[in-house]
């Protein structure tokens, strides 16, 4: 293979990859399919573990943990564009949840 052609091919591949990332907004959800759906959100019930939630929803976009002296509070926030879901854990079990997902997209 001609050594002058190799850098051109590499540059083309890098440019193509960057264009694909820009076209999808660099979102892992756009590239792999979002688990942030109302159907998945509805599967989350009080008392579930973090592992159970992650099996349904995947890894959270952000995680915040606070030690409240008598209990530990962790909040998982899932985001996909303007859509979000927040799952609140008390001592590592689901204690509450909130979302702006609706049945009519």
Protein backbone atom coordinates (compact mmCIF):
# COMPACT_ATOMS: atom_id res chain seq x y z
CA UNK A 1 0.00 0.00 0.00
CA UNK A 2 1.26 3.45 -0.85
CA UNK A 3 2.41 5.23 2.34
CA UNK A 4 0.96 8.55 1.14
CA UNK A 5 -2.53 7.05 0.85
CA UNK A 6 -2.63 5.71 4.44
CA UNK A 7 -2.77 9.14 6.19
CA UNK A 8 -5.52 10.24 3.79
CA UNK A 9 -7.57 7.15 4.60
CA UNK A 10 -7.08 7.67 8.32
CA UNK A 11 -8.11 11.33 8.03
CA UNK A 12 -11.18 10.32 6.02
CA UNK A 13 -12.16 7.72 8.62
CA UNK A 14 -11.74 10.21 11.49
CA UNK A 15 -13.78 12.85 9.62
CA UNK A 16 -16.52 10.32 8.88
CA UNK A 17 -16.64 9.25 12.53
CA UNK A 18 -16.86 12.86 13.73
CA UNK A 19 -19.67 13.59 11.27
CA UNK A 20 -21.60 10.57 12.52
CA UNK A 21 -21.18 11.71 16.13
CA UNK A 22 -22.34 15.22 15.30
CA UNK A 23 -25.35 13.91 13.40
CA UNK A 24 -26.46 11.89 16.44
CA UNK A 25 -25.64 14.61 18.95
CA UNK A 26 -22.99 12.38 20.53
CA UNK A 27 -25.75 10.76 22.56
CA UNK A 28 -25.29 7.19 23.64
CA UNK A 29 -29.08 6.90 23.51
CA UNK A 30 -29.23 7.99 19.87
CA UNK A 31 -26.54 5.52 18.92
CA UNK A 32 -27.72 2.51 20.95
CA UNK A 33 -31.43 3.09 21.53
CA UNK A 34 -32.76 4.78 24.62
CA UNK A 35 -33.90 2.79 27.63
CA UNK A 36 -35.59 5.96 28.91
CA UNK A 37 -39.15 5.00 28.02
CA UNK A 38 -42.41 5.23 29.92
CA UNK A 39 -42.72 1.44 29.75
CA UNK A 40 -39.33 0.98 31.45
CA UNK A 41 -40.03 3.78 33.93
CA UNK A 42 -43.30 2.08 34.91
CA UNK A 43 -41.38 -1.13 35.72
CA UNK A 44 -39.53 0.66 38.54
CA UNK A 45 -41.21 0.00 41.88
CA UNK A 46 -40.58 0.98 45.48
CA UNK A 47 -38.04 -1.26 47.20
CA UNK A 48 -36.06 -2.20 44.09
CA UNK A 49 -32.27 -2.23 44.36
CA UNK A 50 -29.93 -0.06 42.31
CA UNK A 51 -28.87 -3.15 40.36
CA UNK A 52 -32.48 -3.95 39.45
CA UNK A 53 -33.07 -0.36 38.28
CA UNK A 54 -29.86 -0.39 36.22
CA UNK A 55 -30.91 -3.66 34.56
CA UNK A 56 -34.12 -1.95 33.38
CA UNK A 57 -32.93 1.61 32.70
CA UNK A 58 -29.19 1.16 32.12
CA UNK A 59 -26.56 3.39 33.74
CA UNK A 60 -27.81 6.76 34.99
CA UNK A 61 -26.79 9.97 33.24
CA UNK A 62 -25.91 11.49 36.63
CA UNK A 63 -25.74 10.11 40.16
CA UNK A 64 -25.87 12.17 43.35
CA UNK A 65 -25.42 10.66 46.81
CA UNK A 66 -25.96 12.43 50.14
CA UNK A 67 -25.33 11.05 53.59
CA UNK A 68 -28.30 12.22 55.67
CA UNK A 69 -26.84 10.87 58.96
CA UNK A 70 -29.69 8.41 59.60
CA UNK A 71 -29.94 7.25 55.99
CA UNK A 72 -28.20 7.53 52.64
CA UNK A 73 -30.06 9.23 49.78
CA UNK A 74 -29.00 8.56 46.18
CA UNK A 75 -30.63 10.10 43.12
CA UNK A 76 -30.26 8.62 39.64
CA UNK A 77 -31.14 11.04 36.84
CA UNK A 78 -31.71 9.72 33.34
CA UNK A 79 -31.79 12.19 30.45
CA UNK A 80 -32.52 11.89 26.75
CA UNK A 81 -32.91 15.30 25.15
CA UNK A 82 -35.71 17.07 27.04
CA UNK A 83 -36.98 13.85 28.60
CA UNK A 84 -35.88 12.86 32.07
CA UNK A 85 -36.56 10.41 34.87
CA UNK A 86 -35.31 10.66 38.44
CA UNK A 87 -35.17 7.64 40.72
CA UNK A 88 -34.54 8.30 44.42
CA UNK A 89 -33.05 5.64 46.65
CA UNK A 90 -33.13 5.56 50.44
CA UNK A 91 -30.47 3.21 51.79
CA UNK A 92 -29.99 1.73 48.29
CA UNK A 93 -33.70 0.90 47.71
CA UNK A 94 -36.11 2.83 45.48
CA UNK A 95 -38.03 5.31 47.62
CA UNK A 96 -39.52 7.54 44.91
CA UNK A 97 -39.47 8.52 41.28
CA UNK A 98 -40.39 11.41 38.98
CA UNK A 99 -40.46 11.96 35.22
CA UNK A 100 -41.74 14.16 32.42
CA UNK A 101 -42.32 11.16 30.13
CA UNK A 102 -45.84 10.85 28.80
CA UNK A 103 -47.87 8.21 27.01
CA UNK A 104 -48.24 10.53 23.99
CA UNK A 105 -44.76 11.41 22.63
